[in-house]
Amino acid sequence: EGKTPLQLVIAHDHRTNPMSQERKEAFLNQLINYAIILINKGIKLQIEGEYSIGGLFTSTTTQEIQDKIYDNWDKIVLPTLEQVMTLPHGQNLPILQALIIN
């Protein structure tokens, strides 16, 4: 679909699936966990460019994907970043901050 793995997870349209509130929360937690794994691996492997967290909003990202990312910002992106910041890779925090800024 022309999305990076991180975009695919974060821009997932979870509202279209009819499911109970409990299943919806479990599904969102699963998306957050996938995003955490992708970001952590990106930090560990020092991945740059469109496949890093900074690549969420590249010039090739379509408006539709950007809108979905913004729609999921509070439910997926912020909880993901909060979790990543608490993980024990303190020496890599400048890398994470640089990824977000770029």
PDB file of N, CA and C in Angstrom:
ATOM      1  N   GLU A   1       0.810  -1.202   0.000  1.00  0.00           N
ATOM      2  CA  GLU A   1       0.000   0.000   0.000  1.00  0.00           C
ATOM      3  C   GLU A   1       0.847   1.258   0.000  1.00  0.00           C
ATOM      4  N   GLY A   2       2.145   1.141  -0.105  1.00  0.00           N
ATOM      5  CA  GLY A   2       3.009   2.304  -0.108  1.00  0.00           C
ATOM      6  C   GLY A   2       3.253   2.886   1.269  1.00  0.00           C
ATOM      7  N   LYS A   3       3.107   2.066   2.304  1.00  0.00           N
ATOM      8  CA  LYS A   3       3.332   2.528   3.664  1.00  0.00           C
ATOM      9  C   LYS A   3       4.531   1.810   4.259  1.00  0.00           C
ATOM     10  N   THR A   4       5.253   2.495   5.131  1.00  0.00           N
ATOM     11  CA  THR A   4       6.299   1.828   5.891  1.00  0.00           C
ATOM     12  C   THR A   4       5.613   0.972   6.962  1.00  0.00           C
ATOM     13  N   PRO A   5       6.322   0.013   7.553  1.00  0.00           N
ATOM     14  CA  PRO A   5       5.686  -0.791   8.605  1.00  0.00           C
ATOM     15  C   PRO A   5       5.129   0.050   9.758  1.00  0.00           C
ATOM     16  N   LEU A   6       5.860   1.078  10.154  1.00  0.00           N
ATOM     17  CA  LEU A   6       5.383   1.931  11.243  1.00  0.00           C
ATOM     18  C   LEU A   6       4.138   2.705  10.829  1.00  0.00           C
ATOM     19  N   GLN A   7       4.113   3.210   9.614  1.00  0.00           N
ATOM     20  CA  GLN A   7       2.916   3.894   9.123  1.00  0.00           C
ATOM     21  C   GLN A   7       1.732   2.946   9.066  1.00  0.00           C
ATOM     22  N   LEU A   8       1.979   1.716   8.638  1.00  0.00           N
ATOM     23  CA  LEU A   8       0.911   0.725   8.541  1.00  0.00           C
ATOM     24  C   LEU A   8       0.256   0.481   9.895  1.00  0.00           C
ATOM     25  N   VAL A   9       1.085   0.395  10.945  1.00  0.00           N
ATOM     26  CA  VAL A   9       0.559   0.163  12.294  1.00  0.00           C
ATOM     27  C   VAL A   9      -0.154   1.401  12.816  1.00  0.00           C
ATOM     28  N   ILE A  10       0.489   2.551  12.718  1.00  0.00           N
ATOM     29  CA  ILE A  10      -0.058   3.769  13.316  1.00  0.00           C
ATOM     30  C   ILE A  10      -1.257   4.310  12.539  1.00  0.00           C
ATOM     31  N   ALA A  11      -1.259   4.141  11.220  1.00  0.00           N
ATOM     32  CA  ALA A  11      -2.354   4.681  10.409  1.00  0.00           C
ATOM     33  C   ALA A  11      -3.499   3.688  10.242  1.00  0.00           C
ATOM     34  N   HIS A  12      -3.472   2.593  10.971  1.00  0.00           N
ATOM     35  CA  HIS A  12      -4.529   1.586  10.839  1.00  0.00           C
ATOM     36  C   HIS A  12      -5.871   2.194  11.246  1.00  0.00           C
ATOM     37  N   ASP A  13      -6.874   1.984  10.419  1.00  0.00           N
ATOM     38  CA  ASP A  13      -8.207   2.522  10.702  1.00  0.00           C
ATOM     39  C   ASP A  13      -8.983   1.500  11.530  1.00  0.00           C
ATOM     40  N   HIS A  14      -8.837   1.592  12.825  1.00  0.00           N
ATOM     41  CA  HIS A  14      -9.452   0.635  13.743  1.00  0.00           C
ATOM     42  C   HIS A  14     -10.937   0.913  13.976  1.00  0.00           C
ATOM     43  N   ARG A  15     -11.434   2.041  13.511  1.00  0.00           N
ATOM     44  CA  ARG A  15     -12.840   2.410  13.754  1.00  0.00           C
ATOM     45  C   ARG A  15     -13.818   1.687  12.843  1.00  0.00           C
ATOM     46  N   THR A  16     -13.329   1.133  11.750  1.00  0.00           N
ATOM     47  CA  THR A  16     -14.237   0.502  10.792  1.00  0.00           C
ATOM     48  C   THR A  16     -14.637  -0.916  11.198  1.00  0.00           C
ATOM     49  N   ASN A  17     -13.907  -1.504  12.132  1.00  0.00           N
ATOM     50  CA  ASN A  17     -14.201  -2.873  12.558  1.00  0.00           C
ATOM     51  C   ASN A  17     -15.222  -2.872  13.694  1.00  0.00           C
ATOM     52  N   PRO A  18     -16.373  -3.528  13.483  1.00  0.00           N
ATOM     53  CA  PRO A  18     -17.358  -3.583  14.569  1.00  0.00           C
ATOM     54  C   PRO A  18     -16.917  -4.589  15.634  1.00  0.00           C
ATOM     55  N   MET A  19     -16.538  -4.085  16.789  1.00  0.00           N
ATOM     56  CA  MET A  19     -16.132  -4.950  17.891  1.00  0.00           C
ATOM     57  C   MET A  19     -16.498  -4.301  19.209  1.00  0.00           C
ATOM     58  N   SER A  20     -16.539  -5.127  20.233  1.00  0.00           N
ATOM     59  CA  SER A  20     -16.881  -4.624  21.555  1.00  0.00           C
ATOM     60  C   SER A  20     -15.795  -3.668  22.034  1.00  0.00           C
ATOM     61  N   GLN A  21     -16.138  -2.861  23.029  1.00  0.00           N
ATOM     62  CA  GLN A  21     -15.182  -1.904  23.581  1.00  0.00           C
ATOM     63  C   GLN A  21     -13.956  -2.631  24.144  1.00  0.00           C
ATOM     64  N   GLU A  22     -14.179  -3.759  24.774  1.00  0.00           N
ATOM     65  CA  GLU A  22     -13.071  -4.534  25.346  1.00  0.00           C
ATOM     66  C   GLU A  22     -12.120  -5.031  24.251  1.00  0.00           C
ATOM     67  N   ARG A  23     -12.688  -5.558  23.174  1.00  0.00           N
ATOM     68  CA  ARG A  23     -11.852  -6.030  22.056  1.00  0.00           C
ATOM     69  C   ARG A  23     -11.152  -4.870  21.354  1.00  0.00           C
ATOM     70  N   LYS A  24     -11.839  -3.729  21.261  1.00  0.00           N
ATOM     71  CA  LYS A  24     -11.234  -2.547  20.641  1.00  0.00           C
ATOM     72  C   LYS A  24     -10.023  -2.080  21.433  1.00  0.00           C
ATOM     73  N   GLU A  25     -10.147  -2.060  22.764  1.00  0.00           N
ATOM     74  CA  GLU A  25      -9.020  -1.661  23.612  1.00  0.00           C
ATOM     75  C   GLU A  25      -7.865  -2.652  23.497  1.00  0.00           C
ATOM     76  N   ALA A  26      -8.186  -3.944  23.452  1.00  0.00           N
ATOM     77  CA  ALA A  26      -7.144  -4.959  23.295  1.00  0.00           C
ATOM     78  C   ALA A  26      -6.441  -4.802  21.947  1.00  0.00           C
ATOM     79  N   PHE A  27      -7.218  -4.501  20.907  1.00  0.00           N
ATOM     80  CA  PHE A  27      -6.648  -4.312  19.574  1.00  0.00           C
ATOM     81  C   PHE A  27      -5.745  -3.075  19.546  1.00  0.00           C
ATOM     82  N   LEU A  28      -6.181  -1.974  20.159  1.00  0.00           N
ATOM     83  CA  LEU A  28      -5.347  -0.772  20.225  1.00  0.00           C
ATOM     84  C   LEU A  28      -4.057  -1.051  20.984  1.00  0.00           C
ATOM     85  N   ASN A  29      -4.146  -1.812  22.064  1.00  0.00           N
ATOM     86  CA  ASN A  29      -2.937  -2.172  22.820  1.00  0.00           C
ATOM     87  C   ASN A  29      -1.990  -3.000  21.970  1.00  0.00           C
ATOM     88  N   GLN A  30      -2.543  -3.863  21.141  1.00  0.00           N
ATOM     89  CA  GLN A  30      -1.724  -4.666  20.248  1.00  0.00           C
ATOM     90  C   GLN A  30      -1.027  -3.771  19.216  1.00  0.00           C
ATOM     91  N   LEU A  31      -1.736  -2.801  18.662  1.00  0.00           N
ATOM     92  CA  LEU A  31      -1.117  -1.860  17.720  1.00  0.00           C
ATOM     93  C   LEU A  31      -0.004  -1.063  18.396  1.00  0.00           C
ATOM     94  N   ILE A  32      -0.251  -0.636  19.626  1.00  0.00           N
ATOM     95  CA  ILE A  32       0.768   0.103  20.378  1.00  0.00           C
ATOM     96  C   ILE A  32       1.997  -0.770  20.583  1.00  0.00           C
ATOM     97  N   ASN A  33       1.790  -2.033  20.953  1.00  0.00           N
ATOM     98  CA  ASN A  33       2.928  -2.941  21.154  1.00  0.00           C
ATOM     99  C   ASN A  33       3.721  -3.150  19.870  1.00  0.00           C
ATOM    100  N   TYR A  34       3.027  -3.278  18.735  1.00  0.00           N
ATOM    101  CA  TYR A  34       3.726  -3.398  17.454  1.00  0.00           C
ATOM    102  C   TYR A  34       4.557  -2.150  17.167  1.00  0.00           C
ATOM    103  N   ALA A  35       3.971  -0.993  17.417  1.00  0.00           N
ATOM    104  CA  ALA A  35       4.697   0.266  17.168  1.00  0.00           C
ATOM    105  C   ALA A  35       5.915   0.379  18.084  1.00  0.00           C
ATOM    106  N   ILE A  36       5.769  -0.044  19.339  1.00  0.00           N
ATOM    107  CA  ILE A  36       6.904  -0.024  20.276  1.00  0.00           C
ATOM    108  C   ILE A  36       8.034  -0.904  19.752  1.00  0.00           C
ATOM    109  N   ILE A  37       7.692  -2.086  19.286  1.00  0.00           N
ATOM    110  CA  ILE A  37       8.706  -3.002  18.754  1.00  0.00           C
ATOM    111  C   ILE A  37       9.416  -2.374  17.559  1.00  0.00           C
ATOM    112  N   LEU A  38       8.651  -1.799  16.640  1.00  0.00           N
ATOM    113  CA  LEU A  38       9.251  -1.188  15.451  1.00  0.00           C
ATOM    114  C   LEU A  38      10.168  -0.024  15.815  1.00  0.00           C
ATOM    115  N   ILE A  39       9.735   0.817  16.744  1.00  0.00           N
ATOM    116  CA  ILE A  39      10.565   1.964  17.143  1.00  0.00           C
ATOM    117  C   ILE A  39      11.813   1.492  17.867  1.00  0.00           C
ATOM    118  N   ASN A  40      11.670   0.527  18.788  1.00  0.00           N
ATOM    119  CA  ASN A  40      12.836   0.014  19.512  1.00  0.00           C
ATOM    120  C   ASN A  40      13.850  -0.617  18.576  1.00  0.00           C
ATOM    121  N   LYS A  41      13.373  -1.410  17.627  1.00  0.00           N
ATOM    122  CA  LYS A  41      14.294  -2.019  16.655  1.00  0.00           C
ATOM    123  C   LYS A  41      14.952  -0.939  15.804  1.00  0.00           C
ATOM    124  N   GLY A  42      14.189   0.083  15.447  1.00  0.00           N
ATOM    125  CA  GLY A  42      14.757   1.184  14.683  1.00  0.00           C
ATOM    126  C   GLY A  42      15.857   1.903  15.438  1.00  0.00           C
ATOM    127  N   ILE A  43      15.662   2.086  16.738  1.00  0.00           N
ATOM    128  CA  ILE A  43      16.686   2.724  17.569  1.00  0.00           C
ATOM    129  C   ILE A  43      17.903   1.812  17.679  1.00  0.00           C
ATOM    130  N   LYS A  44      17.652   0.551  17.986  1.00  0.00           N
ATOM    131  CA  LYS A  44      18.747  -0.408  18.175  1.00  0.00           C
ATOM    132  C   LYS A  44      19.587  -0.547  16.915  1.00  0.00           C
ATOM    133  N   LEU A  45      18.932  -0.603  15.765  1.00  0.00           N
ATOM    134  CA  LEU A  45      19.637  -0.779  14.498  1.00  0.00           C
ATOM    135  C   LEU A  45      20.016   0.551  13.847  1.00  0.00           C
ATOM    136  N   GLN A  46      19.663   1.659  14.503  1.00  0.00           N
ATOM    137  CA  GLN A  46      19.947   3.018  14.025  1.00  0.00           C
ATOM    138  C   GLN A  46      19.448   3.216  12.588  1.00  0.00           C
ATOM    139  N   ILE A  47      18.190   2.840  12.387  1.00  0.00           N
ATOM    140  CA  ILE A  47      17.564   2.988  11.074  1.00  0.00           C
ATOM    141  C   ILE A  47      17.210   4.449  10.857  1.00  0.00           C
ATOM    142  N   GLU A  48      17.457   4.914   9.671  1.00  0.00           N
ATOM    143  CA  GLU A  48      17.203   6.312   9.341  1.00  0.00           C
ATOM    144  C   GLU A  48      16.238   6.415   8.168  1.00  0.00           C
ATOM    145  N   GLY A  49      15.898   7.622   7.829  1.00  0.00           N
ATOM    146  CA  GLY A  49      15.080   7.879   6.645  1.00  0.00           C
ATOM    147  C   GLY A  49      13.622   7.538   6.853  1.00  0.00           C
ATOM    148  N   GLU A  50      12.983   7.113   5.780  1.00  0.00           N
ATOM    149  CA  GLU A  50      11.544   6.899   5.814  1.00  0.00           C
ATOM    150  C   GLU A  50      11.127   5.775   6.748  1.00  0.00           C
ATOM    151  N   TYR A  51      12.028   4.874   7.111  1.00  0.00           N
ATOM    152  CA  TYR A  51      11.673   3.761   7.987  1.00  0.00           C
ATOM    153  C   TYR A  51      11.870   4.084   9.470  1.00  0.00           C
ATOM    154  N   SER A  52      12.382   5.253   9.782  1.00  0.00           N
ATOM    155  CA  SER A  52      12.503   5.675  11.175  1.00  0.00           C
ATOM    156  C   SER A  52      11.202   6.347  11.607  1.00  0.00           C
ATOM    157  N   ILE A  53      11.117   6.684  12.889  1.00  0.00           N
ATOM    158  CA  ILE A  53       9.902   7.358  13.361  1.00  0.00           C
ATOM    159  C   ILE A  53       9.748   8.713  12.682  1.00  0.00           C
ATOM    160  N   GLY A  54      10.854   9.328  12.350  1.00  0.00           N
ATOM    161  CA  GLY A  54      10.801  10.598  11.631  1.00  0.00           C
ATOM    162  C   GLY A  54      10.229  10.455  10.234  1.00  0.00           C
ATOM    163  N   GLY A  55      10.190   9.221   9.720  1.00  0.00           N
ATOM    164  CA  GLY A  55       9.666   8.970   8.394  1.00  0.00           C
ATOM    165  C   GLY A  55       8.161   8.859   8.330  1.00  0.00           C
ATOM    166  N   LEU A  56       7.500   9.037   9.472  1.00  0.00           N
ATOM    167  CA  LEU A  56       6.040   8.984   9.459  1.00  0.00           C
ATOM    168  C   LEU A  56       5.455  10.031   8.525  1.00  0.00           C
ATOM    169  N   PHE A  57       6.098  11.182   8.477  1.00  0.00           N
ATOM    170  CA  PHE A  57       5.567  12.297   7.693  1.00  0.00           C
ATOM    171  C   PHE A  57       6.565  12.737   6.620  1.00  0.00           C
ATOM    172  N   THR A  58       6.958  11.825   5.767  1.00  0.00           N
ATOM    173  CA  THR A  58       7.864  12.177   4.685  1.00  0.00           C
ATOM    174  C   THR A  58       7.091  12.890   3.582  1.00  0.00           C
ATOM    175  N   SER A  59       7.829  13.426   2.649  1.00  0.00           N
ATOM    176  CA  SER A  59       7.177  14.139   1.550  1.00  0.00           C
ATOM    177  C   SER A  59       6.374  13.192   0.660  1.00  0.00           C
ATOM    178  N   THR A  60       6.653  11.891   0.745  1.00  0.00           N
ATOM    179  CA  THR A  60       5.914  10.929  -0.073  1.00  0.00           C
ATOM    180  C   THR A  60       4.708  10.346   0.653  1.00  0.00           C
ATOM    181  N   THR A  61       4.516  10.724   1.922  1.00  0.00           N
ATOM    182  CA  THR A  61       3.366  10.248   2.672  1.00  0.00           C
ATOM    183  C   THR A  61       2.115  10.940   2.152  1.00  0.00           C
ATOM    184  N   THR A  62       1.128  10.161   1.787  1.00  0.00           N
ATOM    185  CA  THR A  62      -0.095  10.744   1.239  1.00  0.00           C
ATOM    186  C   THR A  62      -0.871  11.480   2.327  1.00  0.00           C
ATOM    187  N   GLN A  63      -1.716  12.365   1.903  1.00  0.00           N
ATOM    188  CA  GLN A  63      -2.555  13.112   2.840  1.00  0.00           C
ATOM    189  C   GLN A  63      -3.459  12.164   3.619  1.00  0.00           C
ATOM    190  N   GLU A  64      -3.947  11.118   2.960  1.00  0.00           N
ATOM    191  CA  GLU A  64      -4.819  10.139   3.628  1.00  0.00           C
ATOM    192  C   GLU A  64      -4.094   9.450   4.789  1.00  0.00           C
ATOM    193  N   ILE A  65      -2.841   9.045   4.560  1.00  0.00           N
ATOM    194  CA  ILE A  65      -2.069   8.403   5.623  1.00  0.00           C
ATOM    195  C   ILE A  65      -1.789   9.394   6.734  1.00  0.00           C
ATOM    196  N   GLN A  66      -1.413  10.621   6.383  1.00  0.00           N
ATOM    197  CA  GLN A  66      -1.159  11.637   7.400  1.00  0.00           C
ATOM    198  C   GLN A  66      -2.400  11.879   8.253  1.00  0.00           C
ATOM    199  N   ASP A  67      -3.566  11.954   7.617  1.00  0.00           N
ATOM    200  CA  ASP A  67      -4.811  12.179   8.355  1.00  0.00           C
ATOM    201  C   ASP A  67      -5.087  11.026   9.324  1.00  0.00           C
ATOM    202  N   LYS A  68      -4.839   9.791   8.877  1.00  0.00           N
ATOM    203  CA  LYS A  68      -5.050   8.642   9.755  1.00  0.00           C
ATOM    204  C   LYS A  68      -4.081   8.653  10.932  1.00  0.00           C
ATOM    205  N   ILE A  69      -2.834   9.047  10.673  1.00  0.00           N
ATOM    206  CA  ILE A  69      -1.853   9.148  11.762  1.00  0.00           C
ATOM    207  C   ILE A  69      -2.321  10.193  12.765  1.00  0.00           C
ATOM    208  N   TYR A  70      -2.760  11.352  12.296  1.00  0.00           N
ATOM    209  CA  TYR A  70      -3.264  12.390  13.198  1.00  0.00           C
ATOM    210  C   TYR A  70      -4.495  11.921  13.957  1.00  0.00           C
ATOM    211  N   ASP A  71      -5.379  11.168  13.281  1.00  0.00           N
ATOM    212  CA  ASP A  71      -6.570  10.639  13.949  1.00  0.00           C
ATOM    213  C   ASP A  71      -6.192   9.687  15.077  1.00  0.00           C
ATOM    214  N   ASN A  72      -5.098   8.947  14.901  1.00  0.00           N
ATOM    215  CA  ASN A  72      -4.655   7.971  15.897  1.00  0.00           C
ATOM    216  C   ASN A  72      -3.616   8.524  16.869  1.00  0.00           C
ATOM    217  N   TRP A  73      -3.340   9.797  16.790  1.00  0.00           N
ATOM    218  CA  TRP A  73      -2.261  10.393  17.583  1.00  0.00           C
ATOM    219  C   TRP A  73      -2.447  10.124  19.085  1.00  0.00           C
ATOM    220  N   ASP A  74      -3.614  10.447  19.620  1.00  0.00           N
ATOM    221  CA  ASP A  74      -3.841  10.286  21.056  1.00  0.00           C
ATOM    222  C   ASP A  74      -3.978   8.825  21.478  1.00  0.00           C
ATOM    223  N   LYS A  75      -4.519   7.993  20.596  1.00  0.00           N
ATOM    224  CA  LYS A  75      -4.789   6.599  20.964  1.00  0.00           C
ATOM    225  C   LYS A  75      -3.619   5.661  20.717  1.00  0.00           C
ATOM    226  N   ILE A  76      -2.766   5.960  19.740  1.00  0.00           N
ATOM    227  CA  ILE A  76      -1.663   5.051  19.417  1.00  0.00           C
ATOM    228  C   ILE A  76      -0.296   5.719  19.558  1.00  0.00           C
ATOM    229  N   VAL A  77      -0.108   6.876  18.930  1.00  0.00           N
ATOM    230  CA  VAL A  77       1.223   7.487  18.873  1.00  0.00           C
ATOM    231  C   VAL A  77       1.714   7.917  20.255  1.00  0.00           C
ATOM    232  N   LEU A  78       0.926   8.702  20.974  1.00  0.00           N
ATOM    233  CA  LEU A  78       1.385   9.173  22.287  1.00  0.00           C
ATOM    234  C   LEU A  78       1.624   8.041  23.281  1.00  0.00           C
ATOM    235  N   PRO A  79       0.706   7.066  23.414  1.00  0.00           N
ATOM    236  CA  PRO A  79       1.003   5.952  24.323  1.00  0.00           C
ATOM    237  C   PRO A  79       2.256   5.171  23.906  1.00  0.00           C
ATOM    238  N   THR A  80       2.478   5.048  22.606  1.00  0.00           N
ATOM    239  CA  THR A  80       3.677   4.358  22.119  1.00  0.00           C
ATOM    240  C   THR A  80       4.924   5.102  22.544  1.00  0.00           C
ATOM    241  N   LEU A  81       4.944   6.409  22.300  1.00  0.00           N
ATOM    242  CA  LEU A  81       6.128   7.205  22.659  1.00  0.00           C
ATOM    243  C   LEU A  81       6.355   7.219  24.160  1.00  0.00           C
ATOM    244  N   GLU A  82       5.283   7.271  24.939  1.00  0.00           N
ATOM    245  CA  GLU A  82       5.430   7.225  26.400  1.00  0.00           C
ATOM    246  C   GLU A  82       6.091   5.922  26.837  1.00  0.00           C
ATOM    247  N   GLN A  83       5.678   4.814  26.244  1.00  0.00           N
ATOM    248  CA  GLN A  83       6.259   3.519  26.590  1.00  0.00           C
ATOM    249  C   GLN A  83       7.716   3.417  26.146  1.00  0.00           C
ATOM    250  N   VAL A  84       8.003   3.891  24.946  1.00  0.00           N
ATOM    251  CA  VAL A  84       9.380   3.824  24.437  1.00  0.00           C
ATOM    252  C   VAL A  84      10.309   4.647  25.311  1.00  0.00           C
ATOM    253  N   MET A  85       9.845   5.798  25.767  1.00  0.00           N
ATOM    254  CA  MET A  85      10.691   6.663  26.601  1.00  0.00           C
ATOM    255  C   MET A  85      10.979   6.052  27.967  1.00  0.00           C
ATOM    256  N   THR A  86      10.156   5.119  28.436  1.00  0.00           N
ATOM    257  CA  THR A  86      10.387   4.513  29.750  1.00  0.00           C
ATOM    258  C   THR A  86      11.215   3.240  29.675  1.00  0.00           C
ATOM    259  N   LEU A  87      11.497   2.745  28.478  1.00  0.00           N
ATOM    260  CA  LEU A  87      12.260   1.507  28.341  1.00  0.00           C
ATOM    261  C   LEU A  87      13.740   1.750  28.624  1.00  0.00           C
ATOM    262  N   PRO A  88      14.442   0.702  29.050  1.00  0.00           N
ATOM    263  CA  PRO A  88      15.845   0.860  29.476  1.00  0.00           C
ATOM    264  C   PRO A  88      16.832   0.951  28.315  1.00  0.00           C
ATOM    265  N   HIS A  89      16.742   1.992  27.561  1.00  0.00           N
ATOM    266  CA  HIS A  89      17.768   2.271  26.547  1.00  0.00           C
ATOM    267  C   HIS A  89      18.147   3.734  26.656  1.00  0.00           C
ATOM    268  N   GLY A  90      18.408   4.166  27.894  1.00  0.00           N
ATOM    269  CA  GLY A  90      18.689   5.567  28.193  1.00  0.00           C
ATOM    270  C   GLY A  90      19.778   6.168  27.338  1.00  0.00           C
ATOM    271  N   GLN A  91      20.779   5.351  26.998  1.00  0.00           N
ATOM    272  CA  GLN A  91      21.857   5.883  26.170  1.00  0.00           C
ATOM    273  C   GLN A  91      21.382   6.206  24.764  1.00  0.00           C
ATOM    274  N   ASN A  92      20.221   5.678  24.384  1.00  0.00           N
ATOM    275  CA  ASN A  92      19.694   5.919  23.046  1.00  0.00           C
ATOM    276  C   ASN A  92      18.653   7.037  22.999  1.00  0.00           C
ATOM    277  N   LEU A  93      18.350   7.663  24.128  1.00  0.00           N
ATOM    278  CA  LEU A  93      17.339   8.715  24.122  1.00  0.00           C
ATOM    279  C   LEU A  93      17.667   9.853  23.156  1.00  0.00           C
ATOM    280  N   PRO A  94      18.935  10.280  23.061  1.00  0.00           N
ATOM    281  CA  PRO A  94      19.209  11.309  22.046  1.00  0.00           C
ATOM    282  C   PRO A  94      18.870  10.839  20.635  1.00  0.00           C
ATOM    283  N   ILE A  95      19.040   9.546  20.371  1.00  0.00           N
ATOM    284  CA  ILE A  95      18.682   9.016  19.052  1.00  0.00           C
ATOM    285  C   ILE A  95      17.179   9.114  18.850  1.00  0.00           C
ATOM    286  N   LEU A  96      16.402   8.736  19.879  1.00  0.00           N
ATOM    287  CA  LEU A  96      14.944   8.815  19.785  1.00  0.00           C
ATOM    288  C   LEU A  96      14.502  10.261  19.589  1.00  0.00           C
ATOM    289  N   GLN A  97      15.093  11.163  20.344  1.00  0.00           N
ATOM    290  CA  GLN A  97      14.727  12.582  20.200  1.00  0.00           C
ATOM    291  C   GLN A  97      15.070  13.086  18.799  1.00  0.00           C
ATOM    292  N   ALA A  98      16.211  12.676  18.268  1.00  0.00           N
ATOM    293  CA  ALA A  98      16.599  13.099  16.916  1.00  0.00           C
ATOM    294  C   ALA A  98      15.643  12.528  15.884  1.00  0.00           C
ATOM    295  N   LEU A  99      15.205  11.285  16.081  1.00  0.00           N
ATOM    296  CA  LEU A  99      14.271  10.671  15.144  1.00  0.00           C
ATOM    297  C   LEU A  99      12.962  11.429  15.098  1.00  0.00           C
ATOM    298  N   ILE A 100      12.493  11.866  16.272  1.00  0.00           N
ATOM    299  CA  ILE A 100      11.225  12.584  16.342  1.00  0.00           C
ATOM    300  C   ILE A 100      11.350  13.964  15.702  1.00  0.00           C
ATOM    301  N   ILE A 101      12.449  14.638  15.959  1.00  0.00           N
ATOM    302  CA  ILE A 101      12.664  15.991  15.433  1.00  0.00           C
ATOM    303  C   ILE A 101      12.835  15.974  13.911  1.00  0.00           C
ATOM    304  N   ASN A 102      13.559  14.966  13.418  1.00  0.00           N
ATOM    305  CA  ASN A 102      13.803  14.919  11.969  1.00  0.00           C
ATOM    306  C   ASN A 102      12.669  14.313  11.322  1.00  0.00           C
TER     307      ASN A 102
END
